[in-house]
Amino acid sequence: MLLVVDVNVVFSALIRRGNCFEIFEANKLFNKFEFIAPEFMTSELDKKIDKIRLETQFSQDELEKMLSFIKKQIVPISASEFIDKLPEALEINSKDAPYLALAIKFSCPIFSGDKELKEQTKVKVLSPRELLDILEEA
């Protein structure tokens, strides 16, 4: 199943190590999901690495290993591949427009816990709990 990964899911996986992290761990074993994200997400994560390290109390090395583990499962997609869907996505939700545009382009759901994003009806949004349920069915 192809899914667009919202950056907040990655933050949550690193900081809380709860359901979001479990999904990445289980997916490494079962390979149930194919994760994609806008290419800029990688730089967004890199910019906030110090903040994440402070919140988690992980060493730089521990955090880099965890981040690398997650990043290896996410295929970055260049904005040029979904730019044509950006105007439509901006009308729906300006804050998450790149993720919506990517999901519209690839006709796939978004993996996110964002309640506001889940309220829109153009693209299906699957919460961490919903993805765990899918994994448990497998």
Protein backbone atom coordinates (compact mmCIF):
# COMPACT_ATOMS: atom_id res chain seq x y z
CA MET A 1 0.00 0.00 0.00
CA LEU A 2 1.43 3.33 -1.07
CA LEU A 3 1.24 6.10 1.57
CA VAL A 4 2.39 9.70 1.81
CA VAL A 5 4.14 10.26 5.15
CA ASP A 6 3.40 13.49 7.00
CA VAL A 7 6.52 14.95 8.66
CA ASN A 8 4.73 15.10 12.02
CA VAL A 9 4.49 11.30 12.02
CA VAL A 10 8.27 11.11 11.80
CA PHE A 11 8.67 13.67 14.61
CA SER A 12 6.26 11.65 16.72
CA ALA A 13 8.11 8.40 15.98
CA LEU A 14 11.37 9.96 17.13
CA ILE A 15 10.10 11.86 20.16
CA ARG A 16 7.44 9.56 21.61
CA ARG A 17 8.49 6.19 20.17
CA GLY A 18 4.81 5.14 20.33
CA ASN A 19 2.47 3.96 17.57
CA CYS A 20 4.28 5.85 14.81
CA PHE A 21 7.61 4.23 15.63
CA GLU A 22 5.92 0.82 15.92
CA ILE A 23 4.61 1.25 12.38
CA PHE A 24 8.09 1.88 10.99
CA GLU A 25 9.47 -1.07 12.99
CA ALA A 26 6.71 -3.44 11.82
CA ASN A 27 6.96 -2.21 8.25
CA LYS A 28 10.67 -2.99 8.22
CA LEU A 29 9.73 -6.61 8.96
CA PHE A 30 6.52 -7.03 6.94
CA ASN A 31 7.06 -4.51 4.12
CA LYS A 32 3.31 -3.82 3.99
CA PHE A 33 3.60 -0.10 3.18
CA GLU A 34 5.54 1.85 0.61
CA PHE A 35 6.19 5.30 2.08
CA ILE A 36 6.74 8.42 0.00
CA ALA A 37 7.11 12.07 1.00
CA PRO A 38 7.93 15.40 -0.57
CA GLU A 39 11.69 15.68 -0.98
CA PHE A 40 11.87 18.77 1.24
CA MET A 41 10.75 16.71 4.25
CA THR A 42 14.32 15.44 4.68
CA SER A 43 15.72 18.96 5.02
CA GLU A 44 12.84 19.88 7.35
CA LEU A 45 13.81 16.98 9.62
CA ASP A 46 17.51 17.84 9.46
CA LYS A 47 16.80 21.45 10.49
CA LYS A 48 14.99 20.28 13.63
CA ILE A 49 17.41 17.55 14.67
CA ASP A 50 18.82 19.55 17.60
CA LYS A 51 15.33 20.28 18.94
CA ILE A 52 14.41 16.61 18.64
CA ARG A 53 17.62 15.58 20.41
CA LEU A 54 16.85 17.91 23.31
CA GLU A 55 13.32 16.55 23.66
CA THR A 56 14.39 12.90 23.51
CA GLN A 57 17.63 13.03 25.49
CA PHE A 58 19.17 10.71 22.88
CA SER A 59 22.81 11.08 21.98
CA GLN A 60 23.54 12.50 18.54
CA ASP A 61 24.55 9.02 17.38
CA GLU A 62 21.38 7.34 18.71
CA LEU A 63 19.15 9.93 17.12
CA GLU A 64 20.94 9.75 13.78
CA LYS A 65 20.54 5.94 13.76
CA MET A 66 16.81 6.19 14.49
CA LEU A 67 16.31 8.91 11.88
CA SER A 68 18.27 6.93 9.32
CA PHE A 69 16.17 3.83 10.07
CA ILE A 70 13.00 5.81 9.32
CA LYS A 71 14.36 7.76 6.33
CA LYS A 72 15.45 4.53 4.62
CA GLN A 73 11.80 3.52 4.42
CA ILE A 74 10.63 6.79 2.83
CA VAL A 75 11.18 7.53 -0.85
CA PRO A 76 11.61 11.28 -1.40
CA ILE A 77 9.62 12.65 -4.34
CA SER A 78 10.70 15.82 -6.12
CA ALA A 79 8.20 18.69 -6.09
CA SER A 80 8.40 18.76 -9.89
CA GLU A 81 6.49 15.45 -9.91
CA PHE A 82 3.42 16.85 -8.10
CA ILE A 83 3.60 20.62 -8.64
CA ASP A 84 0.64 20.42 -11.02
CA LYS A 85 -1.58 19.28 -8.10
CA LEU A 86 -0.40 22.01 -5.72
CA PRO A 87 -3.09 24.60 -6.62
CA GLU A 88 -5.82 22.05 -5.90
CA ALA A 89 -4.14 21.06 -2.63
CA LEU A 90 -3.73 24.71 -1.55
CA GLU A 91 -7.49 25.17 -1.81
CA ILE A 92 -8.00 22.28 0.59
CA ASN A 93 -5.31 22.98 3.21
CA SER A 94 -2.46 25.44 2.75
CA LYS A 95 -0.39 24.14 5.69
CA ASP A 96 -0.22 20.57 4.37
CA ALA A 97 -0.54 21.36 0.67
CA PRO A 98 2.63 19.55 -0.50
CA TYR A 99 1.55 16.33 1.23
CA LEU A 100 -1.97 16.62 -0.18
CA ALA A 101 -0.65 17.39 -3.67
CA LEU A 102 1.58 14.32 -3.55
CA ALA A 103 -1.31 12.13 -2.36
CA ILE A 104 -3.59 13.51 -5.09
CA LYS A 105 -0.92 12.92 -7.74
CA PHE A 106 -0.31 9.31 -6.69
CA SER A 107 -3.96 8.59 -5.71
CA CYS A 108 -2.95 7.32 -2.31
CA PRO A 109 -3.73 8.00 1.37
CA ILE A 110 -1.68 10.08 3.79
CA PHE A 111 -0.22 8.62 6.98
CA SER A 112 -0.92 11.36 9.55
CA GLY A 113 -2.35 11.97 12.98
CA ASP A 114 -3.37 15.53 12.06
CA LYS A 115 -7.07 15.91 12.90
CA GLU A 116 -7.52 18.96 10.65
CA LEU A 117 -6.02 17.11 7.71
CA LYS A 118 -8.32 14.16 8.37
CA GLU A 119 -11.38 16.44 8.13
CA GLN A 120 -10.87 17.15 4.43
CA THR A 121 -12.55 14.71 2.04
CA LYS A 122 -10.37 14.79 -1.09
CA VAL A 123 -7.69 12.39 0.18
CA LYS A 124 -8.02 9.56 2.67
CA VAL A 125 -5.93 10.10 5.81
CA LEU A 126 -4.95 7.09 7.89
CA SER A 127 -4.02 7.57 11.53
CA PRO A 128 -1.24 5.63 13.25
CA ARG A 129 -3.88 3.47 14.99
CA GLU A 130 -5.53 2.65 11.63
CA LEU A 131 -2.18 1.60 10.15
CA LEU A 132 -1.43 -0.60 13.15
CA ASP A 133 -4.81 -2.25 12.64
CA ILE A 134 -3.89 -2.93 8.99
CA LEU A 135 -0.57 -4.42 10.08
CA GLU A 136 -2.27 -6.62 12.65
CA GLU A 137 -4.63 -8.00 9.98
CA ALA A 138 -1.70 -9.16 7.87
